[in-house]
């Protein structure tokens, strides 16, 4: 059995299938997908449906799935004329925020609304049942899996979206330790589990200057990044460029696998 982590597939279903083939993903293996399965690319809903169909895969919410949930909630409350509209800092409704060109949700939205209502309900229910954080012990190492951030309070092995406040969920999927000032350590009490190995996505590693000799994104690793052991596995599928690669890591062996978005 092997345990894999992957993140930020962004609608690139063909690359996702190539990765499963590359790692020889078997029924006895397990995969954690650290969010941002949808948007920007053409087939995000297909990826969600594939993950949903597998007993050996689990998706953790990313900010793009969070936007989908909020957009759907907004549209339902608008139809029923109930509920207060929570707008973004730019004054956008949740639907406008998701489908805004900077977030690339329009294609996924069209995929979603063209599904039968039963399938829409199943996807919505699945996403709302996901975790924001999972802590997984492999070979006596505790891996802290989230899309981007964490929380200062202990929560055990998993923090469910359904059990978290809106603000907590928003913080975990949107904030990033890489967005903090470079000379600003996180501090002892910023995250609850000081000794965990934090594996995240959300910030593409090209932005961190982490690229191979051919200019393609590579996994970022540091055992002391602002006081924490951090691994970033988002290698820029959202960029839709020749630097973009889908990355996957095996937790038992430390092996790293890449599938390029575009052929050279």
C-alpha atoms as a PDB file:
ATOM      1  CA  UNK A   1       0.000   0.000   0.000  1.00  0.00           C
ATOM      2  CA  UNK A   2       1.161   3.511  -0.841  1.00  0.00           C
ATOM      3  CA  UNK A   3      -0.267   6.851   0.261  1.00  0.00           C
ATOM      4  CA  UNK A   4      -0.096   9.719  -2.236  1.00  0.00           C
ATOM      5  CA  UNK A   5      -0.809  13.445  -2.080  1.00  0.00           C
ATOM      6  CA  UNK A   6      -1.668  15.649  -5.031  1.00  0.00           C
ATOM      7  CA  UNK A   7      -3.041  19.178  -5.295  1.00  0.00           C
ATOM      8  CA  UNK A   8      -4.305  21.939  -7.595  1.00  0.00           C
ATOM      9  CA  UNK A   9      -5.324  19.856 -10.607  1.00  0.00           C
ATOM     10  CA  UNK A  10      -7.476  22.751 -11.859  1.00  0.00           C
ATOM     11  CA  UNK A  11      -9.692  20.928 -14.304  1.00  0.00           C
ATOM     12  CA  UNK A  12      -6.908  19.107 -16.154  1.00  0.00           C
ATOM     13  CA  UNK A  13      -8.545  15.695 -16.217  1.00  0.00           C
ATOM     14  CA  UNK A  14      -6.173  14.173 -18.791  1.00  0.00           C
ATOM     15  CA  UNK A  15      -3.130  15.110 -16.699  1.00  0.00           C
ATOM     16  CA  UNK A  16      -4.844  13.652 -13.619  1.00  0.00           C
ATOM     17  CA  UNK A  17      -5.446  10.330 -15.383  1.00  0.00           C
ATOM     18  CA  UNK A  18      -1.840  10.313 -16.642  1.00  0.00           C
ATOM     19  CA  UNK A  19      -0.650  10.760 -13.068  1.00  0.00           C
ATOM     20  CA  UNK A  20      -2.727   7.827 -11.835  1.00  0.00           C
ATOM     21  CA  UNK A  21      -1.172   5.745 -14.588  1.00  0.00           C
ATOM     22  CA  UNK A  22       2.348   7.008 -13.878  1.00  0.00           C
ATOM     23  CA  UNK A  23       2.221   6.091 -10.177  1.00  0.00           C
ATOM     24  CA  UNK A  24       0.480   2.788 -10.906  1.00  0.00           C
ATOM     25  CA  UNK A  25      -2.388   3.704  -8.586  1.00  0.00           C
ATOM     26  CA  UNK A  26      -3.923   0.506  -7.208  1.00  0.00           C
ATOM     27  CA  UNK A  27      -7.046  -0.336  -5.225  1.00  0.00           C
ATOM     28  CA  UNK A  28      -4.944  -0.915  -2.115  1.00  0.00           C
ATOM     29  CA  UNK A  29      -3.295   2.517  -2.407  1.00  0.00           C
ATOM     30  CA  UNK A  30      -4.786   5.767  -1.096  1.00  0.00           C
ATOM     31  CA  UNK A  31      -4.706   9.304  -2.454  1.00  0.00           C
ATOM     32  CA  UNK A  32      -5.365  12.628  -0.753  1.00  0.00           C
ATOM     33  CA  UNK A  33      -6.226  15.489  -3.098  1.00  0.00           C
ATOM     34  CA  UNK A  34      -5.513  18.831  -1.435  1.00  0.00           C
ATOM     35  CA  UNK A  35      -8.167  20.909  -3.144  1.00  0.00           C
ATOM     36  CA  UNK A  36      -8.540  23.103  -6.221  1.00  0.00           C
ATOM     37  CA  UNK A  37      -9.663  20.232  -8.403  1.00  0.00           C
ATOM     38  CA  UNK A  38     -11.891  22.620 -10.378  1.00  0.00           C
ATOM     39  CA  UNK A  39     -11.711  25.915 -12.328  1.00  0.00           C
ATOM     40  CA  UNK A  40      -9.281  27.356 -14.888  1.00  0.00           C
ATOM     41  CA  UNK A  41      -9.085  24.044 -16.789  1.00  0.00           C
ATOM     42  CA  UNK A  42     -11.884  22.376 -18.790  1.00  0.00           C
ATOM     43  CA  UNK A  43     -12.903  19.277 -16.818  1.00  0.00           C
ATOM     44  CA  UNK A  44     -13.060  19.977 -13.098  1.00  0.00           C
ATOM     45  CA  UNK A  45     -16.441  18.340 -12.581  1.00  0.00           C
ATOM     46  CA  UNK A  46     -15.153  15.158 -14.242  1.00  0.00           C
ATOM     47  CA  UNK A  47     -12.305  15.030 -11.717  1.00  0.00           C
ATOM     48  CA  UNK A  48     -14.663  15.504  -8.766  1.00  0.00           C
ATOM     49  CA  UNK A  49     -16.912  12.729 -10.065  1.00  0.00           C
ATOM     50  CA  UNK A  50     -13.928  10.412 -10.470  1.00  0.00           C
ATOM     51  CA  UNK A  51     -12.718  11.069  -6.910  1.00  0.00           C
ATOM     52  CA  UNK A  52     -16.246  10.576  -5.592  1.00  0.00           C
ATOM     53  CA  UNK A  53     -16.398   7.171  -7.282  1.00  0.00           C
ATOM     54  CA  UNK A  54     -13.258   5.893  -5.544  1.00  0.00           C
ATOM     55  CA  UNK A  55     -13.177   4.354  -2.079  1.00  0.00           C
ATOM     56  CA  UNK A  56      -9.421   4.967  -1.948  1.00  0.00           C
ATOM     57  CA  UNK A  57      -9.377   8.713  -2.588  1.00  0.00           C
ATOM     58  CA  UNK A  58     -10.288  11.674  -0.401  1.00  0.00           C
ATOM     59  CA  UNK A  59     -10.509  15.318  -1.357  1.00  0.00           C
ATOM     60  CA  UNK A  60      -9.743  18.150   1.020  1.00  0.00           C
ATOM     61  CA  UNK A  61     -11.454  21.457   0.248  1.00  0.00           C
ATOM     62  CA  UNK A  62      -9.566  24.172  -1.597  1.00  0.00           C
ATOM     63  CA  UNK A  63     -10.564  27.783  -2.118  1.00  0.00           C
ATOM     64  CA  UNK A  64     -12.108  26.978  -5.512  1.00  0.00           C
ATOM     65  CA  UNK A  65     -14.426  24.309  -4.072  1.00  0.00           C
ATOM     66  CA  UNK A  66     -15.178  26.762  -1.262  1.00  0.00           C
ATOM     67  CA  UNK A  67     -16.224  29.323  -3.879  1.00  0.00           C
ATOM     68  CA  UNK A  68     -18.457  26.757  -5.599  1.00  0.00           C
ATOM     69  CA  UNK A  69     -20.218  25.941  -2.323  1.00  0.00           C
ATOM     70  CA  UNK A  70     -20.718  29.634  -1.533  1.00  0.00           C
ATOM     71  CA  UNK A  71     -21.986  30.393  -5.053  1.00  0.00           C
ATOM     72  CA  UNK A  72     -24.512  27.553  -4.908  1.00  0.00           C
ATOM     73  CA  UNK A  73     -25.664  28.643  -1.441  1.00  0.00           C
ATOM     74  CA  UNK A  74     -26.028  32.201  -2.714  1.00  0.00           C
ATOM     75  CA  UNK A  75     -28.110  31.188  -5.743  1.00  0.00           C
ATOM     76  CA  UNK A  76     -30.387  29.040  -3.580  1.00  0.00           C
ATOM     77  CA  UNK A  77     -30.894  31.817  -1.025  1.00  0.00           C
ATOM     78  CA  UNK A  78     -31.561  34.274  -3.847  1.00  0.00           C
ATOM     79  CA  UNK A  79     -34.217  32.008  -5.306  1.00  0.00           C
ATOM     80  CA  UNK A  80     -35.907  31.693  -1.946  1.00  0.00           C
ATOM     81  CA  UNK A  81     -35.278  35.370  -1.123  1.00  0.00           C
ATOM     82  CA  UNK A  82     -33.798  34.329   2.190  1.00  0.00           C
ATOM     83  CA  UNK A  83     -30.450  34.917   3.813  1.00  0.00           C
ATOM     84  CA  UNK A  84     -27.961  37.759   3.819  1.00  0.00           C
ATOM     85  CA  UNK A  85     -25.547  38.159   0.907  1.00  0.00           C
ATOM     86  CA  UNK A  86     -21.918  37.996   1.995  1.00  0.00           C
ATOM     87  CA  UNK A  87     -19.916  39.999  -0.533  1.00  0.00           C
ATOM     88  CA  UNK A  88     -16.186  39.897  -1.150  1.00  0.00           C
ATOM     89  CA  UNK A  89     -13.908  42.817  -0.321  1.00  0.00           C
ATOM     90  CA  UNK A  90     -14.396  43.929  -3.941  1.00  0.00           C
ATOM     91  CA  UNK A  91     -18.172  44.002  -3.505  1.00  0.00           C
ATOM     92  CA  UNK A  92     -18.773  40.842  -5.529  1.00  0.00           C
ATOM     93  CA  UNK A  93     -21.486  38.328  -4.719  1.00  0.00           C
ATOM     94  CA  UNK A  94     -20.277  34.728  -4.140  1.00  0.00           C
ATOM     95  CA  UNK A  95     -21.411  33.812  -7.665  1.00  0.00           C
ATOM     96  CA  UNK A  96     -19.617  36.799  -9.204  1.00  0.00           C
ATOM     97  CA  UNK A  97     -16.460  36.001  -7.242  1.00  0.00           C
ATOM     98  CA  UNK A  98     -16.394  32.369  -8.412  1.00  0.00           C
ATOM     99  CA  UNK A  99     -17.034  33.159 -12.077  1.00  0.00           C
ATOM    100  CA  UNK A 100     -14.785  36.223 -12.214  1.00  0.00           C
ATOM    101  CA  UNK A 101     -11.983  35.831 -14.810  1.00  0.00           C
ATOM    102  CA  UNK A 102      -9.323  36.039 -12.088  1.00  0.00           C
ATOM    103  CA  UNK A 103     -10.727  32.864 -10.503  1.00  0.00           C
ATOM    104  CA  UNK A 104     -11.614  31.006 -13.683  1.00  0.00           C
ATOM    105  CA  UNK A 105     -14.835  29.439 -12.449  1.00  0.00           C
ATOM    106  CA  UNK A 106     -17.062  30.147 -15.455  1.00  0.00           C
ATOM    107  CA  UNK A 107     -16.262  26.862 -17.247  1.00  0.00           C
ATOM    108  CA  UNK A 108     -16.874  24.793 -14.132  1.00  0.00           C
ATOM    109  CA  UNK A 109     -20.089  26.708 -13.510  1.00  0.00           C
ATOM    110  CA  UNK A 110     -21.360  25.813 -16.987  1.00  0.00           C
ATOM    111  CA  UNK A 111     -20.400  22.172 -16.409  1.00  0.00           C
ATOM    112  CA  UNK A 112     -22.190  22.174 -13.078  1.00  0.00           C
ATOM    113  CA  UNK A 113     -25.458  23.824 -14.154  1.00  0.00           C
ATOM    114  CA  UNK A 114     -25.755  21.457 -17.125  1.00  0.00           C
ATOM    115  CA  UNK A 115     -25.752  18.442 -14.806  1.00  0.00           C
ATOM    116  CA  UNK A 116     -29.038  16.847 -13.747  1.00  0.00           C
ATOM    117  CA  UNK A 117     -30.191  18.288 -10.436  1.00  0.00           C
ATOM    118  CA  UNK A 118     -29.595  14.942  -8.710  1.00  0.00           C
ATOM    119  CA  UNK A 119     -25.924  15.026  -9.687  1.00  0.00           C
ATOM    120  CA  UNK A 120     -25.626  18.658  -8.630  1.00  0.00           C
ATOM    121  CA  UNK A 121     -27.033  17.741  -5.216  1.00  0.00           C
ATOM    122  CA  UNK A 122     -24.618  14.807  -4.852  1.00  0.00           C
ATOM    123  CA  UNK A 123     -21.605  16.986  -5.680  1.00  0.00           C
ATOM    124  CA  UNK A 124     -22.744  19.720  -3.312  1.00  0.00           C
ATOM    125  CA  UNK A 125     -23.329  17.190  -0.540  1.00  0.00           C
ATOM    126  CA  UNK A 126     -19.939  15.583  -1.174  1.00  0.00           C
ATOM    127  CA  UNK A 127     -18.070  18.890  -1.048  1.00  0.00           C
ATOM    128  CA  UNK A 128     -19.822  19.973   2.139  1.00  0.00           C
ATOM    129  CA  UNK A 129     -18.868  16.669   3.770  1.00  0.00           C
ATOM    130  CA  UNK A 130     -15.146  17.142   3.073  1.00  0.00           C
ATOM    131  CA  UNK A 131     -12.430  18.047   5.534  1.00  0.00           C
ATOM    132  CA  UNK A 132     -10.472  21.275   5.655  1.00  0.00           C
ATOM    133  CA  UNK A 133      -7.515  19.540   7.313  1.00  0.00           C
ATOM    134  CA  UNK A 134      -6.453  15.935   7.809  1.00  0.00           C
ATOM    135  CA  UNK A 135      -3.518  14.704   9.881  1.00  0.00           C
ATOM    136  CA  UNK A 136      -2.143  11.383   8.688  1.00  0.00           C
ATOM    137  CA  UNK A 137       0.544   9.298  10.427  1.00  0.00           C
ATOM    138  CA  UNK A 138       2.907   7.451   8.061  1.00  0.00           C
ATOM    139  CA  UNK A 139       6.065   5.734   9.321  1.00  0.00           C
ATOM    140  CA  UNK A 140       5.849   7.590  12.662  1.00  0.00           C
ATOM    141  CA  UNK A 141       5.658  10.974  10.897  1.00  0.00           C
ATOM    142  CA  UNK A 142       2.553  13.132  11.207  1.00  0.00           C
ATOM    143  CA  UNK A 143       1.598  14.802   7.946  1.00  0.00           C
ATOM    144  CA  UNK A 144      -0.707  17.785   8.185  1.00  0.00           C
ATOM    145  CA  UNK A 145      -2.695  17.985   4.936  1.00  0.00           C
ATOM    146  CA  UNK A 146      -4.616  21.113   3.972  1.00  0.00           C
ATOM    147  CA  UNK A 147      -5.057  23.257   0.912  1.00  0.00           C
ATOM    148  CA  UNK A 148      -3.136  26.197   2.282  1.00  0.00           C
ATOM    149  CA  UNK A 149      -3.201  27.048   5.997  1.00  0.00           C
ATOM    150  CA  UNK A 150      -4.051  25.823   9.500  1.00  0.00           C
ATOM    151  CA  UNK A 151      -5.467  26.913  12.850  1.00  0.00           C
ATOM    152  CA  UNK A 152      -4.055  27.682  16.318  1.00  0.00           C
ATOM    153  CA  UNK A 153      -6.399  25.336  18.193  1.00  0.00           C
ATOM    154  CA  UNK A 154      -6.029  21.567  18.448  1.00  0.00           C
ATOM    155  CA  UNK A 155      -8.642  19.510  16.619  1.00  0.00           C
ATOM    156  CA  UNK A 156      -7.317  15.946  16.594  1.00  0.00           C
ATOM    157  CA  UNK A 157      -6.909  14.079  13.300  1.00  0.00           C
ATOM    158  CA  UNK A 158      -9.443  15.925  11.135  1.00  0.00           C
ATOM    159  CA  UNK A 159     -11.200  19.270  10.886  1.00  0.00           C
ATOM    160  CA  UNK A 160     -14.435  19.000   8.919  1.00  0.00           C
ATOM    161  CA  UNK A 161     -15.847  21.820   6.826  1.00  0.00           C
ATOM    162  CA  UNK A 162     -19.262  21.152   8.373  1.00  0.00           C
ATOM    163  CA  UNK A 163     -17.877  21.714  11.884  1.00  0.00           C
ATOM    164  CA  UNK A 164     -15.958  24.909  11.122  1.00  0.00           C
ATOM    165  CA  UNK A 165     -17.130  28.505  11.124  1.00  0.00           C
ATOM    166  CA  UNK A 166     -17.201  30.386   7.833  1.00  0.00           C
ATOM    167  CA  UNK A 167     -14.213  32.479   8.911  1.00  0.00           C
ATOM    168  CA  UNK A 168     -12.168  29.426   9.891  1.00  0.00           C
ATOM    169  CA  UNK A 169     -12.884  27.704   6.582  1.00  0.00           C
ATOM    170  CA  UNK A 170     -12.103  30.873   4.646  1.00  0.00           C
ATOM    171  CA  UNK A 171      -8.796  31.278   6.467  1.00  0.00           C
ATOM    172  CA  UNK A 172      -7.661  27.686   5.876  1.00  0.00           C
ATOM    173  CA  UNK A 173      -8.418  27.653   2.148  1.00  0.00           C
ATOM    174  CA  UNK A 174      -7.352  31.208   1.256  1.00  0.00           C
ATOM    175  CA  UNK A 175      -4.525  32.301   3.545  1.00  0.00           C
ATOM    176  CA  UNK A 176      -0.948  31.141   3.017  1.00  0.00           C
ATOM    177  CA  UNK A 177       2.183  31.210   5.086  1.00  0.00           C
ATOM    178  CA  UNK A 178       3.987  32.134   1.852  1.00  0.00           C
ATOM    179  CA  UNK A 179       2.083  35.430   1.757  1.00  0.00           C
ATOM    180  CA  UNK A 180       3.514  36.541   5.087  1.00  0.00           C
ATOM    181  CA  UNK A 181       6.432  39.015   5.090  1.00  0.00           C
ATOM    182  CA  UNK A 182       9.685  37.148   4.460  1.00  0.00           C
ATOM    183  CA  UNK A 183      11.189  38.216   7.797  1.00  0.00           C
ATOM    184  CA  UNK A 184       8.076  37.282   9.783  1.00  0.00           C
ATOM    185  CA  UNK A 185       8.227  33.914  11.593  1.00  0.00           C
ATOM    186  CA  UNK A 186       4.861  32.330  12.242  1.00  0.00           C
ATOM    187  CA  UNK A 187       5.545  31.817  15.927  1.00  0.00           C
ATOM    188  CA  UNK A 188       5.045  28.964  18.344  1.00  0.00           C
ATOM    189  CA  UNK A 189       1.275  29.380  18.682  1.00  0.00           C
ATOM    190  CA  UNK A 190       0.322  30.187  15.081  1.00  0.00           C
ATOM    191  CA  UNK A 191      -0.455  26.532  14.327  1.00  0.00           C
ATOM    192  CA  UNK A 192      -1.548  23.976  16.913  1.00  0.00           C
ATOM    193  CA  UNK A 193       0.785  21.174  15.835  1.00  0.00           C
ATOM    194  CA  UNK A 194       4.347  22.445  15.839  1.00  0.00           C
ATOM    195  CA  UNK A 195       5.960  19.108  14.944  1.00  0.00           C
ATOM    196  CA  UNK A 196       3.732  18.148  11.999  1.00  0.00           C
ATOM    197  CA  UNK A 197       4.962  18.121   8.415  1.00  0.00           C
ATOM    198  CA  UNK A 198       2.703  20.598   6.621  1.00  0.00           C
ATOM    199  CA  UNK A 199       1.836  19.656   3.038  1.00  0.00           C
ATOM    200  CA  UNK A 200      -0.060  22.330   1.115  1.00  0.00           C
ATOM    201  CA  UNK A 201      -0.881  23.593  -2.356  1.00  0.00           C
ATOM    202  CA  UNK A 202      -2.549  26.909  -3.337  1.00  0.00           C
ATOM    203  CA  UNK A 203       0.662  28.869  -4.027  1.00  0.00           C
ATOM    204  CA  UNK A 204       2.350  27.634  -7.190  1.00  0.00           C
ATOM    205  CA  UNK A 205       6.006  26.916  -6.580  1.00  0.00           C
ATOM    206  CA  UNK A 206       7.140  28.924  -9.604  1.00  0.00           C
ATOM    207  CA  UNK A 207       6.182  31.968  -7.543  1.00  0.00           C
ATOM    208  CA  UNK A 208       8.634  30.763  -4.887  1.00  0.00           C
ATOM    209  CA  UNK A 209      11.400  30.441  -7.489  1.00  0.00           C
ATOM    210  CA  UNK A 210      11.199  26.644  -7.229  1.00  0.00           C
ATOM    211  CA  UNK A 211      11.819  25.356 -10.780  1.00  0.00           C
ATOM    212  CA  UNK A 212      13.999  22.756 -12.424  1.00  0.00           C
ATOM    213  CA  UNK A 213      16.700  23.431 -15.005  1.00  0.00           C
ATOM    214  CA  UNK A 214      14.034  23.515 -17.741  1.00  0.00           C
ATOM    215  CA  UNK A 215      11.969  26.136 -15.942  1.00  0.00           C
ATOM    216  CA  UNK A 216       9.210  23.767 -14.840  1.00  0.00           C
ATOM    217  CA  UNK A 217       7.640  24.002 -11.398  1.00  0.00           C
ATOM    218  CA  UNK A 218       9.084  21.669  -8.759  1.00  0.00           C
ATOM    219  CA  UNK A 219       7.937  20.685  -5.292  1.00  0.00           C
ATOM    220  CA  UNK A 220       9.125  23.073  -2.570  1.00  0.00           C
ATOM    221  CA  UNK A 221      10.472  21.562   0.651  1.00  0.00           C
ATOM    222  CA  UNK A 222      11.844  23.177   3.779  1.00  0.00           C
ATOM    223  CA  UNK A 223      12.269  21.690   7.246  1.00  0.00           C
ATOM    224  CA  UNK A 224      12.333  25.178   8.794  1.00  0.00           C
ATOM    225  CA  UNK A 225      10.158  27.594   6.862  1.00  0.00           C
ATOM    226  CA  UNK A 226       9.161  30.243   9.400  1.00  0.00           C
ATOM    227  CA  UNK A 227       9.576  27.611  12.083  1.00  0.00           C
ATOM    228  CA  UNK A 228       7.652  24.798  10.373  1.00  0.00           C
ATOM    229  CA  UNK A 229       8.394  21.783   8.211  1.00  0.00           C
ATOM    230  CA  UNK A 230       6.615  22.689   4.955  1.00  0.00           C
ATOM    231  CA  UNK A 231       6.095  21.033   1.572  1.00  0.00           C
ATOM    232  CA  UNK A 232       4.272  22.824  -1.269  1.00  0.00           C
ATOM    233  CA  UNK A 233       3.122  20.497  -4.059  1.00  0.00           C
ATOM    234  CA  UNK A 234       1.322  23.018  -6.311  1.00  0.00           C
ATOM    235  CA  UNK A 235       3.503  23.151  -9.409  1.00  0.00           C
ATOM    236  CA  UNK A 236       1.470  25.608 -11.396  1.00  0.00           C
ATOM    237  CA  UNK A 237      -1.298  23.864 -13.313  1.00  0.00           C
ATOM    238  CA  UNK A 238      -3.298  27.091 -12.923  1.00  0.00           C
ATOM    239  CA  UNK A 239      -0.685  28.960 -14.968  1.00  0.00           C
ATOM    240  CA  UNK A 240      -1.558  26.993 -18.115  1.00  0.00           C
ATOM    241  CA  UNK A 241       2.000  27.384 -19.385  1.00  0.00           C
ATOM    242  CA  UNK A 242       5.004  25.265 -20.299  1.00  0.00           C
ATOM    243  CA  UNK A 243       6.218  25.610 -16.719  1.00  0.00           C
ATOM    244  CA  UNK A 244       3.048  23.904 -15.430  1.00  0.00           C
ATOM    245  CA  UNK A 245       3.278  20.421 -13.978  1.00  0.00           C
ATOM    246  CA  UNK A 246       1.013  18.224 -11.906  1.00  0.00           C
ATOM    247  CA  UNK A 247       2.998  16.918  -8.930  1.00  0.00           C
ATOM    248  CA  UNK A 248       2.391  13.903  -6.719  1.00  0.00           C
ATOM    249  CA  UNK A 249       4.292  12.655  -3.661  1.00  0.00           C
ATOM    250  CA  UNK A 250       4.329   9.230  -1.999  1.00  0.00           C
ATOM    251  CA  UNK A 251       4.391   9.618   1.781  1.00  0.00           C
ATOM    252  CA  UNK A 252       5.896   6.186   2.489  1.00  0.00           C
ATOM    253  CA  UNK A 253       8.893   6.562   0.185  1.00  0.00           C
ATOM    254  CA  UNK A 254       9.203  10.284  -0.469  1.00  0.00           C
ATOM    255  CA  UNK A 255       9.124   9.617  -4.214  1.00  0.00           C
ATOM    256  CA  UNK A 256       8.026  12.543  -6.371  1.00  0.00           C
ATOM    257  CA  UNK A 257       6.228  12.251  -9.697  1.00  0.00           C
ATOM    258  CA  UNK A 258       5.471  14.881 -12.334  1.00  0.00           C
ATOM    259  CA  UNK A 259       3.148  15.093 -15.320  1.00  0.00           C
ATOM    260  CA  UNK A 260       3.669  18.174 -17.535  1.00  0.00           C
ATOM    261  CA  UNK A 261       0.584  20.080 -18.630  1.00  0.00           C
ATOM    262  CA  UNK A 262       1.997  20.740 -22.093  1.00  0.00           C
ATOM    263  CA  UNK A 263       4.287  18.536 -24.157  1.00  0.00           C
ATOM    264  CA  UNK A 264       7.560  20.139 -25.205  1.00  0.00           C
END
